Amino acid sequence: MLNVSVVSPEAVLYEGTTDSVVAPAFDGEVGILTGHAPMLALLGKGVLRLGGGAQKFNVEGGFLQVVDNAVRVVTEKASPAV
Protein backbone atom coordinates (compact mmCIF):
# COMPACT_ATOMS: atom_id res chain seq x y z
CA MET A 1 0.00 0.00 0.00
CA LEU A 2 0.99 3.60 -0.58
CA ASN A 3 0.80 6.26 2.13
CA VAL A 4 -0.57 9.33 0.35
CA SER A 5 -0.93 12.97 1.35
CA VAL A 6 -2.46 15.67 -0.86
CA VAL A 7 -1.78 19.20 0.38
CA SER A 8 -2.68 22.64 -0.97
CA PRO A 9 -2.04 26.07 0.58
CA GLU A 10 -5.61 26.07 1.94
CA ALA A 11 -5.89 22.57 3.42
CA VAL A 12 -4.79 18.95 3.68
CA LEU A 13 -7.20 17.36 1.19
CA TYR A 14 -6.28 13.72 1.77
CA GLU A 15 -4.15 11.63 4.09
CA GLY A 16 -4.44 7.88 3.95
CA THR A 17 -3.49 4.72 2.09
CA THR A 18 -4.32 3.53 -1.40
CA ASP A 19 -3.05 1.00 -3.91
CA SER A 20 -2.39 3.39 -6.81
CA VAL A 21 -1.95 7.04 -7.76
CA VAL A 22 -2.31 8.57 -11.24
CA ALA A 23 -1.14 12.17 -11.42
CA PRO A 24 -1.06 14.83 -14.16
CA ALA A 25 2.65 15.60 -14.52
CA PHE A 26 3.52 18.66 -16.62
CA ASP A 27 4.49 16.42 -19.56
CA GLY A 28 1.83 13.67 -19.26
CA GLU A 29 0.25 11.34 -16.73
CA VAL A 30 2.36 9.33 -14.31
CA GLY A 31 1.22 6.17 -12.51
CA ILE A 32 2.52 5.12 -9.10
CA LEU A 33 2.16 1.63 -7.58
CA THR A 34 3.66 0.03 -4.46
CA GLY A 35 7.43 -0.37 -4.79
CA HIS A 36 7.86 2.57 -7.22
CA ALA A 37 11.37 3.98 -7.48
CA PRO A 38 12.04 7.33 -5.76
CA MET A 39 10.83 10.16 -7.97
CA LEU A 40 10.09 13.87 -8.05
CA ALA A 41 7.78 15.28 -10.73
CA LEU A 42 6.33 18.68 -11.53
CA LEU A 43 2.55 18.70 -11.75
CA GLY A 44 0.53 20.22 -14.54
CA LYS A 45 -3.21 20.83 -14.64
CA GLY A 46 -5.58 17.86 -14.49
CA VAL A 47 -7.17 15.18 -12.32
CA LEU A 48 -5.26 13.37 -9.59
CA ARG A 49 -6.77 9.88 -9.13
CA LEU A 50 -6.24 7.73 -6.05
CA GLY A 51 -7.12 4.04 -5.91
CA GLY A 52 -8.38 3.71 -9.47
CA GLY A 53 -10.59 6.79 -9.18
CA ALA A 54 -12.09 6.16 -5.73
CA GLN A 55 -10.83 9.65 -4.76
CA LYS A 56 -10.31 12.38 -7.36
CA PHE A 57 -8.95 15.91 -7.12
CA ASN A 58 -8.55 18.68 -9.68
CA VAL A 59 -5.00 19.94 -9.28
CA GLU A 60 -2.98 22.72 -10.87
CA GLY A 61 0.77 23.07 -10.48
CA GLY A 62 3.03 21.92 -7.67
CA PHE A 63 4.98 18.68 -7.35
CA LEU A 64 4.72 15.00 -6.53
CA GLN A 65 7.34 13.11 -4.51
CA VAL A 66 7.63 9.32 -4.15
CA VAL A 67 9.93 7.83 -1.48
CA ASP A 68 9.61 4.40 0.21
CA ASN A 69 5.92 3.86 -0.70
CA ALA A 70 5.04 7.37 0.49
CA VAL A 71 3.51 9.72 -2.09
CA ARG A 72 3.40 13.41 -1.24
CA VAL A 73 1.45 15.75 -3.53
CA VAL A 74 1.93 19.46 -2.87
CA THR A 75 -0.19 21.52 -5.24
CA GLU A 76 -0.75 25.21 -5.78
CA LYS A 77 -4.48 24.75 -6.31
CA ALA A 78 -6.74 21.76 -5.60
CA SER A 79 -10.39 20.86 -5.19
CA PRO A 80 -12.37 17.62 -5.01
CA ALA A 81 -13.37 16.35 -8.48
CA VAL A 82 -16.72 14.75 -9.28
PDB file of N, CA and C in Angstrom:
ATOM      1  N   MET A   1       0.838  -1.188   0.000  1.00  0.00           N
ATOM      2  CA  MET A   1       0.000   0.000   0.000  1.00  0.00           C
ATOM      3  C   MET A   1       0.880   1.248   0.000  1.00  0.00           C
ATOM      4  N   LEU A   2       0.314   2.307  -0.541  1.00  0.00           N
ATOM      5  CA  LEU A   2       0.988   3.596  -0.579  1.00  0.00           C
ATOM      6  C   LEU A   2       0.393   4.510   0.485  1.00  0.00           C
ATOM      7  N   ASN A   3       1.250   5.210   1.213  1.00  0.00           N
ATOM      8  CA  ASN A   3       0.795   6.257   2.127  1.00  0.00           C
ATOM      9  C   ASN A   3       0.772   7.552   1.338  1.00  0.00           C
ATOM     10  N   VAL A   4      -0.396   8.176   1.233  1.00  0.00           N
ATOM     11  CA  VAL A   4      -0.566   9.333   0.354  1.00  0.00           C
ATOM     12  C   VAL A   4      -1.018  10.550   1.149  1.00  0.00           C
ATOM     13  N   SER A   5      -0.426  11.698   0.831  1.00  0.00           N
ATOM     14  CA  SER A   5      -0.932  12.966   1.350  1.00  0.00           C
ATOM     15  C   SER A   5      -1.061  13.940   0.181  1.00  0.00           C
ATOM     16  N   VAL A   6      -2.187  14.652   0.163  1.00  0.00           N
ATOM     17  CA  VAL A   6      -2.456  15.667  -0.857  1.00  0.00           C
ATOM     18  C   VAL A   6      -2.667  16.980  -0.112  1.00  0.00           C
ATOM     19  N   VAL A   7      -1.779  17.951  -0.368  1.00  0.00           N
ATOM     20  CA  VAL A   7      -1.775  19.198   0.384  1.00  0.00           C
ATOM     21  C   VAL A   7      -1.811  20.388  -0.570  1.00  0.00           C
ATOM     22  N   SER A   8      -2.654  21.368  -0.244  1.00  0.00           N
ATOM     23  CA  SER A   8      -2.683  22.636  -0.972  1.00  0.00           C
ATOM     24  C   SER A   8      -2.438  23.744   0.053  1.00  0.00           C
ATOM     25  N   PRO A   9      -2.242  24.982  -0.384  1.00  0.00           N
ATOM     26  CA  PRO A   9      -2.036  26.068   0.585  1.00  0.00           C
ATOM     27  C   PRO A   9      -3.222  26.240   1.549  1.00  0.00           C
ATOM     28  N   GLU A  10      -4.415  25.870   1.121  1.00  0.00           N
ATOM     29  CA  GLU A  10      -5.606  26.066   1.936  1.00  0.00           C
ATOM     30  C   GLU A  10      -5.848  24.946   2.933  1.00  0.00           C
ATOM     31  N   ALA A  11      -5.500  23.691   2.576  1.00  0.00           N
ATOM     32  CA  ALA A  11      -5.890  22.570   3.423  1.00  0.00           C
ATOM     33  C   ALA A  11      -5.147  21.291   3.058  1.00  0.00           C
ATOM     34  N   VAL A  12      -5.209  20.322   3.968  1.00  0.00           N
ATOM     35  CA  VAL A  12      -4.792  18.951   3.679  1.00  0.00           C
ATOM     36  C   VAL A  12      -6.041  18.267   3.125  1.00  0.00           C
ATOM     37  N   LEU A  13      -6.020  17.920   1.848  1.00  0.00           N
ATOM     38  CA  LEU A  13      -7.198  17.357   1.193  1.00  0.00           C
ATOM     39  C   LEU A  13      -7.341  15.858   1.415  1.00  0.00           C
ATOM     40  N   TYR A  14      -6.218  15.172   1.590  1.00  0.00           N
ATOM     41  CA  TYR A  14      -6.284  13.724   1.771  1.00  0.00           C
ATOM     42  C   TYR A  14      -5.041  13.247   2.499  1.00  0.00           C
ATOM     43  N   GLU A  15      -5.237  12.361   3.462  1.00  0.00           N
ATOM     44  CA  GLU A  15      -4.149  11.635   4.092  1.00  0.00           C
ATOM     45  C   GLU A  15      -4.661  10.234   4.354  1.00  0.00           C
ATOM     46  N   GLY A  16      -3.990   9.250   3.776  1.00  0.00           N
ATOM     47  CA  GLY A  16      -4.437   7.879   3.951  1.00  0.00           C
ATOM     48  C   GLY A  16      -3.635   6.938   3.082  1.00  0.00           C
ATOM     49  N   THR A  17      -4.171   5.725   2.899  1.00  0.00           N
ATOM     50  CA  THR A  17      -3.491   4.723   2.087  1.00  0.00           C
ATOM     51  C   THR A  17      -4.339   4.379   0.874  1.00  0.00           C
ATOM     52  N   THR A  18      -3.659   3.965  -0.166  1.00  0.00           N
ATOM     53  CA  THR A  18      -4.322   3.531  -1.398  1.00  0.00           C
ATOM     54  C   THR A  18      -3.375   2.606  -2.140  1.00  0.00           C
ATOM     55  N   ASP A  19      -3.896   1.934  -3.159  1.00  0.00           N
ATOM     56  CA  ASP A  19      -3.051   0.995  -3.908  1.00  0.00           C
ATOM     57  C   ASP A  19      -2.439   1.599  -5.165  1.00  0.00           C
ATOM     58  N   SER A  20      -2.949   2.769  -5.605  1.00  0.00           N
ATOM     59  CA  SER A  20      -2.389   3.388  -6.811  1.00  0.00           C
ATOM     60  C   SER A  20      -2.660   4.885  -6.830  1.00  0.00           C
ATOM     61  N   VAL A  21      -1.799   5.597  -7.562  1.00  0.00           N
ATOM     62  CA  VAL A  21      -1.950   7.042  -7.762  1.00  0.00           C
ATOM     63  C   VAL A  21      -1.676   7.321  -9.232  1.00  0.00           C
ATOM     64  N   VAL A  22      -2.557   8.084  -9.876  1.00  0.00           N
ATOM     65  CA  VAL A  22      -2.311   8.568 -11.240  1.00  0.00           C
ATOM     66  C   VAL A  22      -2.367  10.085 -11.169  1.00  0.00           C
ATOM     67  N   ALA A  23      -1.263  10.723 -11.562  1.00  0.00           N
ATOM     68  CA  ALA A  23      -1.145  12.172 -11.421  1.00  0.00           C
ATOM     69  C   ALA A  23      -0.842  12.837 -12.759  1.00  0.00           C
ATOM     70  N   PRO A  24      -1.344  14.084 -12.935  1.00  0.00           N
ATOM     71  CA  PRO A  24      -1.062  14.833 -14.163  1.00  0.00           C
ATOM     72  C   PRO A  24       0.270  15.574 -14.065  1.00  0.00           C
ATOM     73  N   ALA A  25       1.351  14.926 -14.480  1.00  0.00           N
ATOM     74  CA  ALA A  25       2.649  15.601 -14.522  1.00  0.00           C
ATOM     75  C   ALA A  25       2.603  16.649 -15.639  1.00  0.00           C
ATOM     76  N   PHE A  26       3.540  17.583 -15.629  1.00  0.00           N
ATOM     77  CA  PHE A  26       3.518  18.660 -16.619  1.00  0.00           C
ATOM     78  C   PHE A  26       3.684  18.144 -18.044  1.00  0.00           C
ATOM     79  N   ASP A  27       4.261  16.946 -18.214  1.00  0.00           N
ATOM     80  CA  ASP A  27       4.492  16.416 -19.557  1.00  0.00           C
ATOM     81  C   ASP A  27       3.715  15.123 -19.836  1.00  0.00           C
ATOM     82  N   GLY A  28       2.662  14.858 -19.054  1.00  0.00           N
ATOM     83  CA  GLY A  28       1.833  13.674 -19.256  1.00  0.00           C
ATOM     84  C   GLY A  28       1.527  13.000 -17.933  1.00  0.00           C
ATOM     85  N   GLU A  29       0.636  12.014 -17.965  1.00  0.00           N
ATOM     86  CA  GLU A  29       0.250  11.337 -16.729  1.00  0.00           C
ATOM     87  C   GLU A  29       1.330  10.387 -16.243  1.00  0.00           C
ATOM     88  N   VAL A  30       1.414  10.254 -14.923  1.00  0.00           N
ATOM     89  CA  VAL A  30       2.358   9.326 -14.311  1.00  0.00           C
ATOM     90  C   VAL A  30       1.582   8.432 -13.348  1.00  0.00           C
ATOM     91  N   GLY A  31       1.877   7.140 -13.389  1.00  0.00           N
ATOM     92  CA  GLY A  31       1.219   6.170 -12.512  1.00  0.00           C
ATOM     93  C   GLY A  31       2.187   5.673 -11.457  1.00  0.00           C
ATOM     94  N   ILE A  32       1.697   5.562 -10.225  1.00  0.00           N
ATOM     95  CA  ILE A  32       2.523   5.116  -9.099  1.00  0.00           C
ATOM     96  C   ILE A  32       1.859   3.902  -8.460  1.00  0.00           C
ATOM     97  N   LEU A  33       2.619   2.823  -8.283  1.00  0.00           N
ATOM     98  CA  LEU A  33       2.164   1.629  -7.576  1.00  0.00           C
ATOM     99  C   LEU A  33       3.150   1.329  -6.446  1.00  0.00           C
ATOM    100  N   THR A  34       2.783   0.431  -5.550  1.00  0.00           N
ATOM    101  CA  THR A  34       3.662   0.033  -4.456  1.00  0.00           C
ATOM    102  C   THR A  34       5.013  -0.425  -5.008  1.00  0.00           C
ATOM    103  N   GLY A  35       6.087   0.011  -4.361  1.00  0.00           N
ATOM    104  CA  GLY A  35       7.426  -0.370  -4.794  1.00  0.00           C
ATOM    105  C   GLY A  35       8.021   0.532  -5.855  1.00  0.00           C
ATOM    106  N   HIS A  36       7.359   1.644  -6.182  1.00  0.00           N
ATOM    107  CA  HIS A  36       7.861   2.571  -7.216  1.00  0.00           C
ATOM    108  C   HIS A  36       9.207   3.150  -6.788  1.00  0.00           C
ATOM    109  N   ALA A  37      10.066   3.370  -7.746  1.00  0.00           N
ATOM    110  CA  ALA A  37      11.371   3.981  -7.483  1.00  0.00           C
ATOM    111  C   ALA A  37      11.179   5.415  -6.983  1.00  0.00           C
ATOM    112  N   PRO A  38      12.121   5.937  -6.191  1.00  0.00           N
ATOM    113  CA  PRO A  38      12.038   7.330  -5.757  1.00  0.00           C
ATOM    114  C   PRO A  38      11.928   8.256  -6.963  1.00  0.00           C
ATOM    115  N   MET A  39      11.095   9.274  -6.836  1.00  0.00           N
ATOM    116  CA  MET A  39      10.829  10.158  -7.972  1.00  0.00           C
ATOM    117  C   MET A  39      10.343  11.513  -7.492  1.00  0.00           C
ATOM    118  N   LEU A  40      10.625  12.531  -8.266  1.00  0.00           N
ATOM    119  CA  LEU A  40      10.094  13.869  -8.050  1.00  0.00           C
ATOM    120  C   LEU A  40       9.603  14.358  -9.400  1.00  0.00           C
ATOM    121  N   ALA A  41       8.348  14.824  -9.456  1.00  0.00           N
ATOM    122  CA  ALA A  41       7.780  15.276 -10.731  1.00  0.00           C
ATOM    123  C   ALA A  41       7.032  16.587 -10.538  1.00  0.00           C
ATOM    124  N   LEU A  42       7.133  17.458 -11.516  1.00  0.00           N
ATOM    125  CA  LEU A  42       6.332  18.684 -11.527  1.00  0.00           C
ATOM    126  C   LEU A  42       4.929  18.351 -11.999  1.00  0.00           C
ATOM    127  N   LEU A  43       3.930  18.937 -11.347  1.00  0.00           N
ATOM    128  CA  LEU A  43       2.552  18.700 -11.747  1.00  0.00           C
ATOM    129  C   LEU A  43       2.087  19.748 -12.748  1.00  0.00           C
ATOM    130  N   GLY A  44       1.205  19.316 -13.624  1.00  0.00           N
ATOM    131  CA  GLY A  44       0.535  20.222 -14.539  1.00  0.00           C
ATOM    132  C   GLY A  44      -0.884  20.452 -14.041  1.00  0.00           C
ATOM    133  N   LYS A  45      -1.802  20.626 -14.968  1.00  0.00           N
ATOM    134  CA  LYS A  45      -3.209  20.834 -14.635  1.00  0.00           C
ATOM    135  C   LYS A  45      -3.974  19.585 -15.062  1.00  0.00           C
ATOM    136  N   GLY A  46      -4.811  19.046 -14.159  1.00  0.00           N
ATOM    137  CA  GLY A  46      -5.580  17.859 -14.492  1.00  0.00           C
ATOM    138  C   GLY A  46      -6.173  17.210 -13.266  1.00  0.00           C
ATOM    139  N   VAL A  47      -6.509  15.919 -13.405  1.00  0.00           N
ATOM    140  CA  VAL A  47      -7.168  15.176 -12.323  1.00  0.00           C
ATOM    141  C   VAL A  47      -6.184  14.203 -11.689  1.00  0.00           C
ATOM    142  N   LEU A  48      -6.048  14.305 -10.385  1.00  0.00           N
ATOM    143  CA  LEU A  48      -5.259  13.366  -9.587  1.00  0.00           C
ATOM    144  C   LEU A  48      -6.213  12.271  -9.133  1.00  0.00           C
ATOM    145  N   ARG A  49      -5.887  11.002  -9.469  1.00  0.00           N
ATOM    146  CA  ARG A  49      -6.771   9.883  -9.127  1.00  0.00           C
ATOM    147  C   ARG A  49      -6.077   8.944  -8.146  1.00  0.00           C
ATOM    148  N   LEU A  50      -6.760   8.643  -7.062  1.00  0.00           N
ATOM    149  CA  LEU A  50      -6.240   7.729  -6.050  1.00  0.00           C
ATOM    150  C   LEU A  50      -7.067   6.463  -6.057  1.00  0.00           C
ATOM    151  N   GLY A  51      -6.413   5.304  -5.989  1.00  0.00           N
ATOM    152  CA  GLY A  51      -7.122   4.036  -5.910  1.00  0.00           C
ATOM    153  C   GLY A  51      -8.039   3.762  -7.067  1.00  0.00           C
ATOM    154  N   GLY A  52      -7.574   3.991  -8.285  1.00  0.00           N
ATOM    155  CA  GLY A  52      -8.383   3.708  -9.475  1.00  0.00           C
ATOM    156  C   GLY A  52      -9.570   4.638  -9.645  1.00  0.00           C
ATOM    157  N   GLY A  53      -9.517   5.811  -9.022  1.00  0.00           N
ATOM    158  CA  GLY A  53     -10.594   6.790  -9.182  1.00  0.00           C
ATOM    159  C   GLY A  53     -11.546   6.855  -8.007  1.00  0.00           C
ATOM    160  N   ALA A  54     -11.240   6.115  -6.914  1.00  0.00           N
ATOM    161  CA  ALA A  54     -12.095   6.164  -5.725  1.00  0.00           C
ATOM    162  C   ALA A  54     -12.100   7.575  -5.129  1.00  0.00           C
ATOM    163  N   GLN A  55     -10.962   8.246  -5.177  1.00  0.00           N
ATOM    164  CA  GLN A  55     -10.828   9.647  -4.756  1.00  0.00           C
ATOM    165  C   GLN A  55     -10.232  10.408  -5.923  1.00  0.00           C
ATOM    166  N   LYS A  56     -10.826  11.572  -6.248  1.00  0.00           N
ATOM    167  CA  LYS A  56     -10.310  12.379  -7.363  1.00  0.00           C
ATOM    168  C   LYS A  56     -10.226  13.839  -6.942  1.00  0.00           C
ATOM    169  N   PHE A  57      -9.150  14.497  -7.410  1.00  0.00           N
ATOM    170  CA  PHE A  57      -8.953  15.908  -7.116  1.00  0.00           C
ATOM    171  C   PHE A  57      -8.509  16.627  -8.382  1.00  0.00           C
ATOM    172  N   ASN A  58      -9.052  17.814  -8.620  1.00  0.00           N
ATOM    173  CA  ASN A  58      -8.550  18.680  -9.676  1.00  0.00           C
ATOM    174  C   ASN A  58      -7.346  19.407  -9.100  1.00  0.00           C
ATOM    175  N   VAL A  59      -6.205  19.286  -9.765  1.00  0.00           N
ATOM    176  CA  VAL A  59      -4.996  19.944  -9.279  1.00  0.00           C
ATOM    177  C   VAL A  59      -4.407  20.821 -10.374  1.00  0.00           C
ATOM    178  N   GLU A  60      -3.628  21.808  -9.927  1.00  0.00           N
ATOM    179  CA  GLU A  60      -2.985  22.721 -10.865  1.00  0.00           C
ATOM    180  C   GLU A  60      -1.654  23.165 -10.289  1.00  0.00           C
ATOM    181  N   GLY A  61      -0.567  22.695 -10.915  1.00  0.00           N
ATOM    182  CA  GLY A  61       0.774  23.067 -10.483  1.00  0.00           C
ATOM    183  C   GLY A  61       1.202  22.362  -9.209  1.00  0.00           C
ATOM    184  N   GLY A  62       2.466  22.531  -8.864  1.00  0.00           N
ATOM    185  CA  GLY A  62       3.028  21.917  -7.670  1.00  0.00           C
ATOM    186  C   GLY A  62       3.949  20.773  -8.030  1.00  0.00           C
ATOM    187  N   PHE A  63       4.102  19.823  -7.091  1.00  0.00           N
ATOM    188  CA  PHE A  63       4.979  18.683  -7.351  1.00  0.00           C
ATOM    189  C   PHE A  63       4.477  17.435  -6.654  1.00  0.00           C
ATOM    190  N   LEU A  64       5.022  16.299  -7.096  1.00  0.00           N
ATOM    191  CA  LEU A  64       4.724  14.999  -6.527  1.00  0.00           C
ATOM    192  C   LEU A  64       6.052  14.345  -6.165  1.00  0.00           C
ATOM    193  N   GLN A  65       6.135  13.783  -4.961  1.00  0.00           N
ATOM    194  CA  GLN A  65       7.341  13.107  -4.514  1.00  0.00           C
ATOM    195  C   GLN A  65       6.987  11.680  -4.105  1.00  0.00           C
ATOM    196  N   VAL A  66       7.804  10.720  -4.533  1.00  0.00           N
ATOM    197  CA  VAL A  66       7.633   9.323  -4.145  1.00  0.00           C
ATOM    198  C   VAL A  66       8.920   8.862  -3.466  1.00  0.00           C
ATOM    199  N   VAL A  67       8.793   8.368  -2.219  1.00  0.00           N
ATOM    200  CA  VAL A  67       9.934   7.826  -1.477  1.00  0.00           C
ATOM    201  C   VAL A  67       9.416   6.733  -0.555  1.00  0.00           C
ATOM    202  N   ASP A  68       9.944   5.516  -0.687  1.00  0.00           N
ATOM    203  CA  ASP A  68       9.607   4.401   0.214  1.00  0.00           C
ATOM    204  C   ASP A  68       8.094   4.204   0.387  1.00  0.00           C
ATOM    205  N   ASN A  69       7.374   4.078  -0.702  1.00  0.00           N
ATOM    206  CA  ASN A  69       5.920   3.859  -0.699  1.00  0.00           C
ATOM    207  C   ASN A  69       5.129   4.995  -0.046  1.00  0.00           C
ATOM    208  N   ALA A  70       5.735   6.173   0.024  1.00  0.00           N
ATOM    209  CA  ALA A  70       5.036   7.373   0.487  1.00  0.00           C
ATOM    210  C   ALA A  70       4.944   8.336  -0.696  1.00  0.00           C
ATOM    211  N   VAL A  71       3.734   8.792  -0.992  1.00  0.00           N
ATOM    212  CA  VAL A  71       3.512   9.722  -2.091  1.00  0.00           C
ATOM    213  C   VAL A  71       3.020  11.029  -1.501  1.00  0.00           C
ATOM    214  N   ARG A  72       3.763  12.091  -1.740  1.00  0.00           N
ATOM    215  CA  ARG A  72       3.396  13.409  -1.242  1.00  0.00           C
ATOM    216  C   ARG A  72       3.078  14.297  -2.438  1.00  0.00           C
ATOM    217  N   VAL A  73       1.870  14.835  -2.462  1.00  0.00           N
ATOM    218  CA  VAL A  73       1.453  15.745  -3.530  1.00  0.00           C
ATOM    219  C   VAL A  73       1.254  17.109  -2.894  1.00  0.00           C
ATOM    220  N   VAL A  74       2.066  18.081  -3.336  1.00  0.00           N
ATOM    221  CA  VAL A  74       1.930  19.460  -2.866  1.00  0.00           C
ATOM    222  C   VAL A  74       1.547  20.280  -4.081  1.00  0.00           C
ATOM    223  N   THR A  75       0.333  20.820  -4.064  1.00  0.00           N
ATOM    224  CA  THR A  75      -0.188  21.515  -5.236  1.00  0.00           C
ATOM    225  C   THR A  75      -0.539  22.955  -4.922  1.00  0.00           C
ATOM    226  N   GLU A  76      -0.440  23.789  -5.934  1.00  0.00           N
ATOM    227  CA  GLU A  76      -0.749  25.213  -5.783  1.00  0.00           C
ATOM    228  C   GLU A  76      -2.243  25.445  -5.642  1.00  0.00           C
ATOM    229  N   LYS A  77      -3.034  24.581  -6.284  1.00  0.00           N
ATOM    230  CA  LYS A  77      -4.481  24.751  -6.313  1.00  0.00           C
ATOM    231  C   LYS A  77      -5.124  23.374  -6.417  1.00  0.00           C
ATOM    232  N   ALA A  78      -6.101  23.085  -5.562  1.00  0.00           N
ATOM    233  CA  ALA A  78      -6.737  21.762  -5.603  1.00  0.00           C
ATOM    234  C   ALA A  78      -8.180  21.857  -5.107  1.00  0.00           C
ATOM    235  N   SER A  79      -9.011  20.964  -5.642  1.00  0.00           N
ATOM    236  CA  SER A  79     -10.394  20.859  -5.194  1.00  0.00           C
ATOM    237  C   SER A  79     -10.877  19.443  -5.501  1.00  0.00           C
ATOM    238  N   PRO A  80     -11.834  18.941  -4.715  1.00  0.00           N
ATOM    239  CA  PRO A  80     -12.370  17.615  -5.009  1.00  0.00           C
ATOM    240  C   PRO A  80     -13.013  17.583  -6.400  1.00  0.00           C
ATOM    241  N   ALA A  81     -12.793  16.506  -7.137  1.00  0.00           N
ATOM    242  CA  ALA A  81     -13.373  16.348  -8.475  1.00  0.00           C
ATOM    243  C   ALA A  81     -14.561  15.410  -8.382  1.00  0.00           C
ATOM    244  N   VAL A  82     -15.513  15.602  -9.276  1.00  0.00           N
ATOM    245  CA  VAL A  82     -16.725  14.750  -9.281  1.00  0.00           C
ATOM    246  C   VAL A  82     -16.529  13.594 -10.234  1.00  0.00           C
TER     247      VAL A  82
END
